[in-house]
Amino acid sequence: MLARFLGKKPDHPMADLKSAQALLNDLPKHDPIKALMELTDWMESVSSNAEFKLDYKFTLMRLLDETAYSYTRKLSQDYFAAHELPSFQEHRLWLVLGTWYRHLFTGYFMLFSRYQEGDKGSSAIKASIPLLIGRIVAAMNASLKFACVHYGPIDCKVWSSLAQLVKFSERQEFYTTPFILYPAQTRTTTVKSEIGHLLAWYGCGVTSLSPLAMHLTDRIIDQYLGCVDIQSQPSEKSLFGFDLNEPNLPRRVNVDATVHPYMRFVCMPGMAVKLESLIVVLSKDIVPDDLLLGGEYEPELVKEAANYLFKYVTSLPQRKAARREIVIDAEVALGYEQVLACTGTGLDFKNEPPLAWQLEDISTSGFHTRLPQRGNENVRIGQLLAMRPKGVSSWGVAVIRRLLRDDNNHLHVGAEIISNQIAAVSLLQSGGGSTAFETGQPALWMYAKAGEEVDGKVELLMNNFAPNCSLLTEFNGKKYLLIPNTLKNKNLDCDLVEFRVIEREEGED
């Protein structure tokens, strides 16, 4: 600390820009993981050094951040690849990227706090404060994203820090000051836009998405950031509310809620139109060249993410049925193959014993359960499961729709019940010239829920769905022709398909 008063340079390897640049020139450029790990160590060292003047510290942190930019882009592209990564590689990339963004957010925010306190060198960076806050929010958004992809608990410091940035930016009247976030980018942005991006993306229910869908929705919102606005008063277009006095995650606007001066409201006027146009193009099996997704993705994957956002911004999610606060012990089989095995198809799958879960908050449309810390690493959004409550003879099926880990690392699972009773059937292609139903492709026949009209239709869970292929099957001693009608849902390990069903007479070809 004495060096600050005597005017001496701090005793640090990056005490001057020449030595700092020399150290960065020695990074292992062909090993982005190792390079980013070294940059993370330097970021932590620089941000925690109290002897650097504020303007020099900001210069160093910008240099480290901009050096890391190409590495983070490459590693993020690898992490959010369209195919699932091996477990070890996925965890390594997640750890390296998540750690970098946490240190980047923490370091920049410490710098901002020192600026607010008027630390030495503050006046020299005053003109760059919009850029500093923009980078804080961008790092916060990325750090939040890597917590979400593992459905981890969210540090409440994120929301309190964000509220502090909003208040400061509004008070200093540079909320809408334009700047370029990184030299590699050409588009200008503002503090308001970056904050709107974070609130709009997280507010759209990311805990109900797969990691890849989280990434794609994030990139699509960034693409149409001009459609995101933050207002001090609610309107019919308001989607989410954010309380600056009691900051917490953005929540759907409640029209009956009390409005006070420190409430901010996120709306997305024009977003639905943009998404609708995008979906039309994607339906033609084309990903627009100007849609920057940070990687190459099949149009169908992008369309699923765009459809999700479109539904979220155009209709208010509503609970279909009242939940009952009871706890029921149940046997559970996780994954399509295990569900088939538990129905007694007789196929040569590795039949693992059922899991023991306690189902809570049960309704006719879904349930919640809380799983212990270990042994549930393979649970995924969109995964099929079969459940059989204690004392019930038949199996039902559900799809995992929501995941979230709490502070004790318990995994909270929300599932949508598709059917309370299923049966295994075997499918043959129509015209195959065979009546050996038992040798065909396995599938799950959904019994209709009580009160539902079947009207000559049936729903099946299956994989390898071909939309133009009629099928033959046998169920309850009767033979049926199944004509594809609608692909109702693509799940992680199977598809839910609606067929028109025609009973076939004995001996009919």
Protein backbone atom coordinates (compact mmCIF):
# COMPACT_ATOMS: atom_id res chain seq x y z
CA MET A 1 0.00 0.00 0.00
CA LEU A 2 2.93 2.35 0.70
CA ALA A 3 3.83 2.27 -2.98
CA ARG A 4 0.63 4.18 -3.80
CA PHE A 5 1.76 7.15 -1.69
CA LEU A 6 5.42 7.08 -2.76
CA GLY A 7 4.56 6.89 -6.45
CA LYS A 8 6.34 3.60 -7.02
CA LYS A 9 5.06 0.96 -9.39
CA PRO A 10 3.26 -1.95 -7.72
CA ASP A 11 5.28 -5.14 -7.39
CA HIS A 12 3.23 -7.08 -9.93
CA PRO A 13 4.20 -8.89 -13.18
CA MET A 14 1.75 -6.65 -15.06
CA ALA A 15 2.86 -3.41 -13.42
CA ASP A 16 3.42 -1.88 -16.87
CA LEU A 17 1.74 -2.52 -20.20
CA LYS A 18 4.91 -3.71 -21.91
CA SER A 19 5.44 -6.56 -19.44
CA ALA A 20 1.70 -7.33 -19.45
CA GLN A 21 1.65 -7.64 -23.24
CA ALA A 22 4.76 -9.83 -23.16
CA LEU A 23 3.03 -12.22 -20.74
CA LEU A 24 -0.05 -12.36 -22.97
CA ASN A 25 2.12 -13.02 -26.03
CA ASP A 26 3.33 -16.19 -24.29
CA LEU A 27 -0.16 -17.65 -23.91
CA PRO A 28 -0.59 -21.17 -25.41
CA LYS A 29 -2.59 -19.89 -28.40
CA HIS A 30 -3.25 -23.38 -29.80
CA ASP A 31 -4.72 -24.58 -26.50
CA PRO A 32 -7.72 -22.31 -25.80
CA ILE A 33 -8.64 -24.09 -22.56
CA LYS A 34 -5.18 -23.62 -21.06
CA ALA A 35 -5.00 -20.05 -22.39
CA LEU A 36 -8.33 -19.12 -20.82
CA MET A 37 -7.32 -20.71 -17.51
CA GLU A 38 -4.16 -18.57 -17.47
CA LEU A 39 -6.17 -15.46 -18.34
CA THR A 40 -8.58 -16.27 -15.48
CA ASP A 41 -5.64 -16.40 -13.05
CA TRP A 42 -4.35 -13.05 -14.35
CA MET A 43 -7.83 -11.49 -14.12
CA GLU A 44 -8.15 -12.60 -10.51
CA SER A 45 -4.67 -11.28 -9.71
CA VAL A 46 -5.23 -7.88 -11.37
CA SER A 47 -8.74 -7.30 -10.03
CA SER A 48 -7.71 -8.06 -6.43
CA ASN A 49 -4.60 -5.85 -6.53
CA ALA A 50 -5.32 -2.74 -4.47
CA GLU A 51 -2.15 -0.88 -5.54
CA PHE A 52 -3.13 -0.32 -9.16
CA LYS A 53 -4.67 3.07 -9.94
CA LEU A 54 -8.22 2.70 -11.19
CA ASP A 55 -7.53 3.83 -14.75
CA TYR A 56 -4.58 1.46 -15.14
CA LYS A 57 -6.50 -1.43 -13.63
CA PHE A 58 -9.33 -0.82 -16.09
CA THR A 59 -6.82 -0.75 -18.96
CA LEU A 60 -5.36 -4.09 -17.84
CA MET A 61 -8.74 -5.72 -17.34
CA ARG A 62 -9.90 -4.60 -20.78
CA LEU A 63 -6.71 -6.01 -22.27
CA LEU A 64 -7.24 -9.37 -20.54
CA ASP A 65 -10.93 -9.43 -21.47
CA GLU A 66 -10.32 -8.60 -25.14
CA THR A 67 -7.51 -11.15 -25.33
CA ALA A 68 -9.87 -13.80 -23.94
CA TYR A 69 -12.65 -12.90 -26.40
CA SER A 70 -11.52 -15.22 -29.22
CA TYR A 71 -10.90 -18.09 -26.78
CA THR A 72 -14.32 -17.78 -25.14
CA ARG A 73 -16.01 -17.69 -28.55
CA LYS A 74 -14.22 -20.87 -29.63
CA LEU A 75 -14.89 -22.74 -26.38
CA SER A 76 -18.53 -21.61 -26.22
CA GLN A 77 -19.02 -22.85 -29.78
CA ASP A 78 -17.58 -26.21 -28.69
CA TYR A 79 -19.72 -26.31 -25.55
CA PHE A 80 -22.99 -25.46 -27.29
CA ALA A 81 -22.42 -27.87 -30.17
CA ALA A 82 -25.52 -29.42 -31.72
CA HIS A 83 -24.41 -32.89 -30.57
CA GLU A 84 -24.11 -33.96 -26.93
CA LEU A 85 -20.56 -33.86 -25.59
CA PRO A 86 -18.87 -36.64 -23.60
CA SER A 87 -19.43 -36.05 -19.90
CA PHE A 88 -15.78 -35.24 -19.10
CA GLN A 89 -15.42 -32.76 -21.97
CA GLU A 90 -18.73 -31.07 -21.15
CA HIS A 91 -17.81 -30.62 -17.49
CA ARG A 92 -14.32 -29.33 -18.30
CA LEU A 93 -15.60 -26.70 -20.75
CA TRP A 94 -18.37 -25.69 -18.34
CA LEU A 95 -15.91 -25.27 -15.49
CA VAL A 96 -13.37 -23.24 -17.51
CA LEU A 97 -15.95 -20.93 -19.13
CA GLY A 98 -18.08 -20.52 -16.00
CA THR A 99 -15.03 -19.69 -13.86
CA TRP A 100 -13.79 -17.10 -16.36
CA TYR A 101 -17.11 -15.29 -16.55
CA ARG A 102 -17.55 -15.28 -12.76
CA HIS A 103 -14.11 -13.68 -12.31
CA LEU A 104 -14.79 -11.24 -15.15
CA PHE A 105 -18.09 -10.14 -13.61
CA THR A 106 -16.63 -9.94 -10.09
CA GLY A 107 -13.51 -8.05 -11.24
CA TYR A 108 -15.38 -5.48 -13.32
CA PHE A 109 -17.94 -4.93 -10.55
CA MET A 110 -15.19 -4.35 -7.95
CA LEU A 111 -13.76 -1.73 -10.31
CA PHE A 112 -17.17 -0.11 -10.64
CA SER A 113 -17.57 -0.03 -6.84
CA ARG A 114 -14.18 1.71 -6.48
CA TYR A 115 -15.27 4.24 -9.11
CA GLN A 116 -18.41 5.00 -7.14
CA GLU A 117 -16.25 5.60 -4.07
CA GLY A 118 -14.14 8.12 -6.01
CA ASP A 119 -10.93 6.10 -5.82
CA LYS A 120 -7.73 7.51 -7.36
CA GLY A 121 -7.93 7.45 -11.14
CA SER A 122 -11.75 7.62 -11.24
CA SER A 123 -11.88 10.83 -13.26
CA ALA A 124 -9.71 9.28 -15.99
CA ILE A 125 -12.28 6.54 -16.74
CA LYS A 126 -15.46 8.60 -16.39
CA ALA A 127 -16.07 8.65 -20.16
CA SER A 128 -15.74 4.85 -20.29
CA ILE A 129 -18.25 4.05 -17.53
CA PRO A 130 -21.08 3.09 -19.98
CA LEU A 131 -18.68 0.58 -21.56
CA LEU A 132 -17.64 -0.71 -18.12
CA ILE A 133 -21.26 -1.26 -17.07
CA GLY A 134 -22.08 -2.85 -20.42
CA ARG A 135 -19.28 -5.35 -19.92
CA ILE A 136 -20.35 -6.03 -16.34
CA VAL A 137 -23.86 -6.90 -17.54
CA ALA A 138 -22.56 -9.01 -20.46
CA ALA A 139 -20.27 -10.96 -18.07
CA MET A 140 -23.16 -11.29 -15.62
CA ASN A 141 -25.38 -12.67 -18.38
CA ALA A 142 -22.73 -15.21 -19.44
CA SER A 143 -22.05 -16.25 -15.84
CA LEU A 144 -25.80 -16.67 -15.28
CA LYS A 145 -26.04 -18.75 -18.45
CA PHE A 146 -23.35 -21.21 -17.32
CA ALA A 147 -25.07 -21.56 -13.95
CA CYS A 148 -28.37 -22.24 -15.72
CA VAL A 149 -27.04 -24.94 -18.08
CA HIS A 150 -26.35 -27.07 -15.00
CA TYR A 151 -29.65 -25.89 -13.44
CA GLY A 152 -27.64 -24.55 -10.52
CA PRO A 153 -28.77 -22.11 -7.82
CA ILE A 154 -28.51 -18.45 -8.79
CA ASP A 155 -26.48 -16.20 -6.51
CA CYS A 156 -28.83 -13.43 -5.34
CA LYS A 157 -25.87 -11.03 -5.69
CA VAL A 158 -26.57 -11.05 -9.43
CA TRP A 159 -29.92 -9.33 -8.97
CA SER A 160 -28.77 -6.88 -6.29
CA SER A 161 -25.77 -5.91 -8.45
CA LEU A 162 -28.02 -5.48 -11.48
CA ALA A 163 -30.39 -3.21 -9.53
CA GLN A 164 -27.43 -1.10 -8.42
CA LEU A 165 -26.27 -0.72 -12.02
CA VAL A 166 -29.76 0.31 -13.19
CA LYS A 167 -30.09 2.97 -10.48
CA PHE A 168 -26.62 4.38 -11.14
CA SER A 169 -27.06 4.43 -14.93
CA GLU A 170 -30.40 6.19 -14.75
CA ARG A 171 -29.11 8.73 -12.24
CA GLN A 172 -26.02 9.55 -14.33
CA GLU A 173 -28.10 9.79 -17.52
CA PHE A 174 -25.99 7.50 -19.69
CA TYR A 175 -28.50 4.66 -19.75
CA THR A 176 -28.82 5.07 -23.53
CA THR A 177 -25.27 6.20 -24.38
CA PRO A 178 -24.15 4.12 -27.42
CA PHE A 179 -20.86 2.18 -27.43
CA ILE A 180 -19.28 -0.87 -29.06
CA LEU A 181 -19.02 -3.64 -26.49
CA TYR A 182 -15.93 -5.38 -27.98
CA PRO A 183 -13.59 -4.37 -30.82
CA ALA A 184 -14.52 -7.55 -32.75
CA GLN A 185 -18.16 -6.42 -32.85
CA THR A 186 -19.55 -3.80 -35.20
CA ARG A 187 -22.99 -3.23 -33.68
CA THR A 188 -23.40 -0.50 -31.10
CA THR A 189 -25.30 -1.19 -27.90
CA THR A 190 -26.31 0.61 -24.68
CA VAL A 191 -26.44 -0.16 -20.98
CA LYS A 192 -30.23 -0.30 -21.26
CA SER A 193 -30.05 -2.82 -24.13
CA GLU A 194 -27.61 -5.11 -22.28
CA ILE A 195 -29.76 -5.07 -19.13
CA GLY A 196 -32.90 -5.66 -21.23
CA HIS A 197 -31.18 -8.64 -22.88
CA LEU A 198 -30.39 -10.26 -19.53
CA LEU A 199 -33.87 -9.70 -18.05
CA ALA A 200 -35.71 -10.75 -21.23
CA TRP A 201 -33.69 -13.94 -21.66
CA TYR A 202 -33.83 -15.10 -18.05
CA GLY A 203 -37.46 -14.04 -17.70
CA CYS A 204 -38.50 -16.41 -20.50
CA GLY A 205 -38.38 -19.47 -18.23
CA VAL A 206 -34.90 -20.80 -18.98
CA THR A 207 -35.17 -23.52 -16.31
CA SER A 208 -37.64 -25.28 -18.61
CA LEU A 209 -35.15 -25.45 -21.50
CA SER A 210 -32.31 -27.78 -22.45
CA PRO A 211 -28.81 -26.22 -22.34
CA LEU A 212 -28.73 -25.94 -26.14
CA ALA A 213 -32.17 -24.30 -26.19
CA MET A 214 -30.98 -21.85 -23.51
CA HIS A 215 -28.12 -20.86 -25.81
CA LEU A 216 -30.30 -20.52 -28.91
CA THR A 217 -32.97 -18.43 -27.16
CA ASP A 218 -30.21 -16.21 -25.76
CA ARG A 219 -28.74 -15.65 -29.23
CA ILE A 220 -32.14 -15.02 -30.83
CA ILE A 221 -33.03 -12.39 -28.23
CA ASP A 222 -29.62 -10.78 -28.79
CA GLN A 223 -30.34 -10.75 -32.54
CA TYR A 224 -33.58 -8.82 -32.01
CA LEU A 225 -32.41 -6.69 -29.08
CA GLY A 226 -33.99 -3.63 -30.65
CA CYS A 227 -37.38 -5.15 -29.75
CA VAL A 228 -36.58 -5.21 -26.01
CA ASP A 229 -37.43 -2.19 -23.88
CA ILE A 230 -37.41 -1.33 -20.16
CA GLN A 231 -40.06 1.07 -18.87
CA SER A 232 -40.86 2.63 -15.50
CA GLN A 233 -44.62 2.12 -15.91
CA PRO A 234 -46.48 -1.10 -16.77
CA SER A 235 -48.50 -1.40 -19.97
CA GLU A 236 -50.48 -4.07 -21.76
CA LYS A 237 -47.22 -5.08 -23.47
CA SER A 238 -45.26 -5.55 -20.23
CA LEU A 239 -44.00 -9.11 -19.73
CA PHE A 240 -41.69 -9.03 -16.70
CA GLY A 241 -41.24 -6.87 -13.64
CA PHE A 242 -37.96 -6.17 -11.81
CA ASP A 243 -37.93 -4.49 -8.39
CA LEU A 244 -34.89 -2.26 -7.84
CA ASN A 245 -35.55 -1.99 -4.10
CA GLU A 246 -36.05 -5.71 -3.50
CA PRO A 247 -34.15 -7.19 -6.43
CA ASN A 248 -34.92 -10.76 -7.38
CA LEU A 249 -35.34 -12.70 -10.59
CA PRO A 250 -37.64 -11.07 -13.18
CA ARG A 251 -41.24 -12.21 -12.78
CA ARG A 252 -44.32 -12.17 -14.98
CA VAL A 253 -46.24 -8.93 -14.58
CA ASN A 254 -49.23 -9.18 -12.27
CA VAL A 255 -51.78 -6.58 -13.34
CA ASP A 256 -53.12 -6.37 -9.79
CA ALA A 257 -49.71 -5.86 -8.17
CA THR A 258 -48.81 -2.57 -6.50
CA VAL A 259 -46.59 -0.36 -8.67
CA HIS A 260 -43.97 1.85 -7.03
CA PRO A 261 -41.26 4.17 -8.45
CA TYR A 262 -38.54 1.55 -8.21
CA MET A 263 -40.30 -1.02 -10.37
CA ARG A 264 -39.05 -1.56 -13.90
CA PHE A 265 -40.99 -3.41 -16.60
CA VAL A 266 -39.62 -5.35 -19.56
CA CYS A 267 -41.63 -5.41 -22.76
CA MET A 268 -40.80 -6.73 -26.23
CA PRO A 269 -42.84 -4.77 -28.76
CA GLY A 270 -42.30 -6.15 -32.23
CA MET A 271 -40.56 -9.32 -31.01
CA ALA A 272 -43.49 -11.56 -31.97
CA VAL A 273 -43.44 -10.21 -35.53
CA LYS A 274 -39.68 -10.81 -35.83
CA LEU A 275 -40.02 -14.34 -34.47
CA GLU A 276 -42.95 -15.14 -36.72
CA SER A 277 -40.96 -14.09 -39.80
CA LEU A 278 -37.96 -16.10 -38.61
CA ILE A 279 -40.10 -19.22 -38.09
CA VAL A 280 -41.44 -18.94 -41.66
CA VAL A 281 -37.88 -18.95 -43.04
CA LEU A 282 -36.77 -21.78 -40.76
CA SER A 283 -39.78 -23.84 -41.86
CA LYS A 284 -38.28 -23.77 -45.36
CA ASP A 285 -35.22 -25.56 -43.93
CA ILE A 286 -33.12 -22.37 -44.12
CA VAL A 287 -31.18 -20.63 -41.35
CA PRO A 288 -30.82 -16.95 -42.34
CA ASP A 289 -27.21 -15.91 -42.99
CA ASP A 290 -27.57 -12.85 -40.77
CA LEU A 291 -28.81 -14.87 -37.77
CA LEU A 292 -25.69 -15.06 -35.57
CA LEU A 293 -26.00 -18.11 -33.33
CA GLY A 294 -22.37 -18.69 -32.40
CA GLY A 295 -22.26 -21.99 -34.31
CA GLU A 296 -23.87 -24.08 -37.05
CA TYR A 297 -27.30 -25.53 -36.22
CA GLU A 298 -29.99 -27.40 -38.09
CA PRO A 299 -33.02 -25.25 -38.95
CA GLU A 300 -35.31 -27.54 -36.92
CA LEU A 301 -33.34 -26.92 -33.71
CA VAL A 302 -33.42 -23.17 -34.22
CA LYS A 303 -37.13 -23.28 -35.06
CA GLU A 304 -37.91 -25.07 -31.79
CA ALA A 305 -36.15 -22.29 -29.85
CA ALA A 306 -37.90 -19.56 -31.89
CA ASN A 307 -41.29 -21.25 -31.38
CA TYR A 308 -40.67 -21.42 -27.64
CA LEU A 309 -39.94 -17.68 -27.49
CA PHE A 310 -42.91 -16.86 -29.71
CA LYS A 311 -45.30 -18.73 -27.43
CA TYR A 312 -43.76 -17.13 -24.36
CA VAL A 313 -44.10 -13.54 -25.59
CA THR A 314 -47.59 -14.00 -27.04
CA SER A 315 -49.38 -16.02 -24.36
CA LEU A 316 -49.27 -16.07 -20.59
CA PRO A 317 -48.27 -19.50 -19.21
CA GLN A 318 -51.05 -20.89 -17.07
CA ARG A 319 -51.25 -23.88 -14.77
CA LYS A 320 -53.66 -26.38 -16.32
CA ALA A 321 -54.90 -27.91 -13.07
CA ALA A 322 -54.80 -27.21 -9.34
CA ARG A 323 -51.96 -28.84 -7.40
CA ARG A 324 -52.56 -30.91 -4.27
CA GLU A 325 -50.05 -30.61 -1.45
CA ILE A 326 -49.63 -34.31 -0.83
CA VAL A 327 -46.66 -36.66 -1.04
CA ILE A 328 -46.93 -40.03 -2.83
CA ASP A 329 -44.30 -42.76 -3.04
CA ALA A 330 -43.83 -44.01 -6.59
CA GLU A 331 -41.66 -46.26 -8.71
CA VAL A 332 -40.01 -44.43 -11.59
CA ALA A 333 -38.24 -45.61 -14.75
CA LEU A 334 -36.13 -42.93 -16.40
CA GLY A 335 -35.57 -42.76 -20.18
CA TYR A 336 -37.46 -44.18 -23.14
CA GLU A 337 -35.72 -47.57 -23.18
CA GLN A 338 -36.32 -48.13 -19.47
CA VAL A 339 -39.96 -47.08 -19.87
CA LEU A 340 -40.33 -49.69 -22.62
CA ALA A 341 -38.68 -52.29 -20.41
CA CYS A 342 -40.96 -51.61 -17.44
CA THR A 343 -44.03 -52.18 -19.64
CA GLY A 344 -42.84 -55.70 -20.37
CA THR A 345 -42.09 -55.49 -24.08
CA GLY A 346 -39.75 -58.46 -23.77
CA LEU A 347 -37.04 -56.62 -25.73
CA ASP A 348 -33.41 -57.11 -24.86
CA PHE A 349 -32.86 -53.81 -23.02
CA LYS A 350 -30.80 -53.51 -19.87
CA ASN A 351 -33.67 -53.53 -17.42
CA GLU A 352 -32.58 -51.57 -14.36
CA PRO A 353 -34.67 -51.70 -11.17
CA PRO A 354 -37.18 -48.84 -10.80
CA LEU A 355 -36.13 -45.73 -8.86
CA ALA A 356 -37.96 -44.69 -5.69
CA TRP A 357 -39.22 -41.09 -5.90
CA GLN A 358 -41.58 -39.07 -3.74
CA LEU A 359 -44.02 -37.11 -5.89
CA GLU A 360 -45.26 -33.76 -4.52
CA ASP A 361 -47.65 -31.00 -5.61
CA ILE A 362 -49.53 -33.46 -7.77
CA SER A 363 -52.24 -32.52 -10.26
CA THR A 364 -53.84 -34.22 -13.24
CA SER A 365 -51.27 -32.52 -15.48
CA GLY A 366 -48.02 -32.80 -13.55
CA PHE A 367 -46.01 -33.15 -10.37
CA HIS A 368 -42.87 -31.96 -8.60
CA THR A 369 -40.18 -33.97 -6.85
CA ARG A 370 -36.91 -33.21 -5.11
CA LEU A 371 -33.97 -35.52 -5.69
CA PRO A 372 -30.82 -35.94 -3.59
CA GLN A 373 -27.46 -34.40 -4.42
CA ARG A 374 -25.84 -37.44 -6.02
CA GLY A 375 -26.97 -40.12 -8.44
CA ASN A 376 -29.15 -37.91 -10.63
CA GLU A 377 -26.57 -36.40 -12.97
CA ASN A 378 -28.26 -37.90 -16.06
CA VAL A 379 -31.68 -36.30 -15.50
CA ARG A 380 -32.44 -34.03 -18.49
CA ILE A 381 -35.09 -31.61 -19.72
CA GLY A 382 -37.36 -33.38 -22.23
CA GLN A 383 -36.57 -36.85 -20.85
CA LEU A 384 -39.36 -39.42 -20.69
CA LEU A 385 -40.16 -41.19 -17.44
CA ALA A 386 -42.69 -43.80 -16.36
CA MET A 387 -44.22 -43.55 -12.89
CA ARG A 388 -46.33 -45.98 -10.90
CA PRO A 389 -47.66 -44.66 -7.58
CA LYS A 390 -47.67 -47.07 -4.67
CA GLY A 391 -50.78 -49.26 -4.76
CA VAL A 392 -51.48 -48.61 -8.46
CA SER A 393 -51.08 -51.47 -10.95
CA SER A 394 -50.62 -49.49 -14.19
CA TRP A 395 -47.75 -47.32 -15.34
CA GLY A 396 -48.22 -43.74 -16.51
CA VAL A 397 -45.76 -41.54 -18.39
CA ALA A 398 -44.52 -37.98 -17.98
CA VAL A 399 -41.89 -35.69 -19.52
CA ILE A 400 -39.44 -33.63 -17.48
CA ARG A 401 -40.16 -29.97 -18.18
CA ARG A 402 -38.26 -28.06 -15.48
CA LEU A 403 -35.05 -28.53 -13.47
CA LEU A 404 -33.44 -26.40 -10.78
CA ARG A 405 -30.84 -27.05 -8.09
CA ASP A 406 -31.28 -25.33 -4.73
CA ASP A 407 -28.57 -24.04 -2.40
CA ASN A 408 -28.23 -27.51 -0.88
CA ASN A 409 -27.68 -28.97 -4.38
CA HIS A 410 -30.97 -30.86 -4.33
CA LEU A 411 -32.41 -31.21 -7.82
CA HIS A 412 -36.01 -30.00 -8.14
CA VAL A 413 -37.84 -31.69 -11.02
CA GLY A 414 -41.10 -30.57 -12.58
CA ALA A 415 -42.78 -33.05 -14.92
CA GLU A 416 -45.82 -32.93 -17.22
CA ILE A 417 -48.01 -36.03 -17.11
CA ILE A 418 -48.85 -37.24 -20.63
CA SER A 419 -50.93 -40.30 -19.76
CA ASN A 420 -51.87 -42.16 -16.59
CA GLN A 421 -51.87 -45.50 -18.40
CA ILE A 422 -49.72 -46.86 -21.21
CA ALA A 423 -49.29 -50.10 -23.12
CA ALA A 424 -46.42 -51.36 -25.23
CA VAL A 425 -47.20 -52.09 -28.88
CA SER A 426 -45.14 -53.16 -31.86
CA LEU A 427 -45.23 -51.29 -35.17
CA LEU A 428 -44.76 -52.46 -38.75
CA GLN A 429 -44.63 -50.36 -41.88
CA SER A 430 -47.87 -50.60 -43.82
CA GLY A 431 -47.44 -52.77 -46.90
CA GLY A 432 -44.51 -54.64 -45.39
CA GLY A 433 -46.21 -57.97 -46.06
CA SER A 434 -45.76 -59.29 -42.55
CA THR A 435 -48.19 -60.00 -39.74
CA ALA A 436 -45.46 -60.61 -37.14
CA PHE A 437 -46.35 -57.57 -35.04
CA GLU A 438 -44.17 -58.76 -32.18
CA THR A 439 -41.02 -58.31 -34.28
CA GLY A 440 -41.63 -54.67 -35.22
CA GLN A 441 -40.51 -51.35 -33.79
CA PRO A 442 -41.59 -50.88 -30.14
CA ALA A 443 -43.78 -47.93 -29.16
CA LEU A 444 -46.02 -46.82 -26.29
CA TRP A 445 -49.79 -46.52 -26.77
CA MET A 446 -51.28 -43.67 -24.68
CA TYR A 447 -54.64 -44.36 -23.09
CA ALA A 448 -56.85 -41.29 -23.29
CA LYS A 449 -57.22 -39.28 -20.09
CA ALA A 450 -60.60 -39.24 -18.41
CA GLY A 451 -62.97 -36.92 -20.25
CA GLU A 452 -60.84 -36.67 -23.41
CA GLU A 453 -62.40 -37.34 -26.81
CA VAL A 454 -60.34 -39.73 -28.93
CA ASP A 455 -62.46 -39.33 -32.09
CA GLY A 456 -60.63 -41.90 -34.19
CA LYS A 457 -57.19 -40.74 -33.04
CA VAL A 458 -54.50 -42.19 -30.80
CA GLU A 459 -51.21 -40.84 -29.44
CA LEU A 460 -48.04 -42.94 -29.43
CA LEU A 461 -44.58 -42.37 -27.99
CA MET A 462 -41.95 -43.66 -30.40
CA ASN A 463 -38.60 -42.95 -32.00
CA ASN A 464 -37.66 -43.04 -35.70
CA PHE A 465 -40.90 -41.28 -36.61
CA ALA A 466 -41.45 -40.91 -40.38
CA PRO A 467 -44.21 -38.36 -41.17
CA ASN A 468 -45.31 -39.97 -44.46
CA CYS A 469 -45.26 -43.57 -43.34
CA SER A 470 -48.45 -45.38 -42.28
CA LEU A 471 -48.03 -48.17 -39.75
CA LEU A 472 -49.70 -51.38 -38.62
CA THR A 473 -50.12 -52.49 -35.04
CA GLU A 474 -52.13 -54.76 -32.79
CA PHE A 475 -53.72 -53.62 -29.53
CA ASN A 476 -56.11 -55.46 -27.18
CA GLY A 477 -56.53 -58.24 -29.73
CA LYS A 478 -57.47 -55.88 -32.58
CA LYS A 479 -55.44 -54.86 -35.61
CA TYR A 480 -55.13 -51.22 -36.65
CA LEU A 481 -53.84 -49.06 -39.46
CA LEU A 482 -52.14 -45.91 -38.10
CA ILE A 483 -51.99 -42.86 -40.39
CA PRO A 484 -49.68 -40.03 -39.16
CA ASN A 485 -51.62 -36.90 -38.27
CA THR A 486 -49.48 -34.58 -36.10
CA LEU A 487 -46.05 -34.61 -34.46
CA LYS A 488 -47.24 -33.17 -31.16
CA ASN A 489 -43.94 -32.97 -29.34
CA LYS A 490 -40.28 -33.85 -29.84
CA ASN A 491 -38.84 -35.01 -26.52
CA LEU A 492 -35.24 -35.77 -25.69
CA ASP A 493 -35.40 -39.51 -26.34
CA CYS A 494 -38.69 -40.02 -28.21
CA ASP A 495 -41.51 -38.27 -30.10
CA LEU A 496 -45.16 -37.89 -29.15
CA VAL A 497 -47.14 -38.52 -32.36
CA GLU A 498 -50.88 -38.37 -33.03
CA PHE A 499 -52.24 -40.92 -35.54
CA ARG A 500 -55.59 -41.41 -37.17
CA VAL A 501 -56.55 -44.98 -36.38
CA ILE A 502 -58.56 -47.41 -38.56
CA GLU A 503 -59.50 -50.87 -37.31
CA ARG A 504 -58.68 -53.60 -39.82
CA GLU A 505 -60.88 -56.59 -40.43
CA GLU A 506 -59.48 -60.10 -39.98
CA GLY A 507 -57.56 -61.10 -43.12
CA GLU A 508 -57.61 -57.55 -44.54
CA ASP A 509 -54.39 -56.75 -46.43
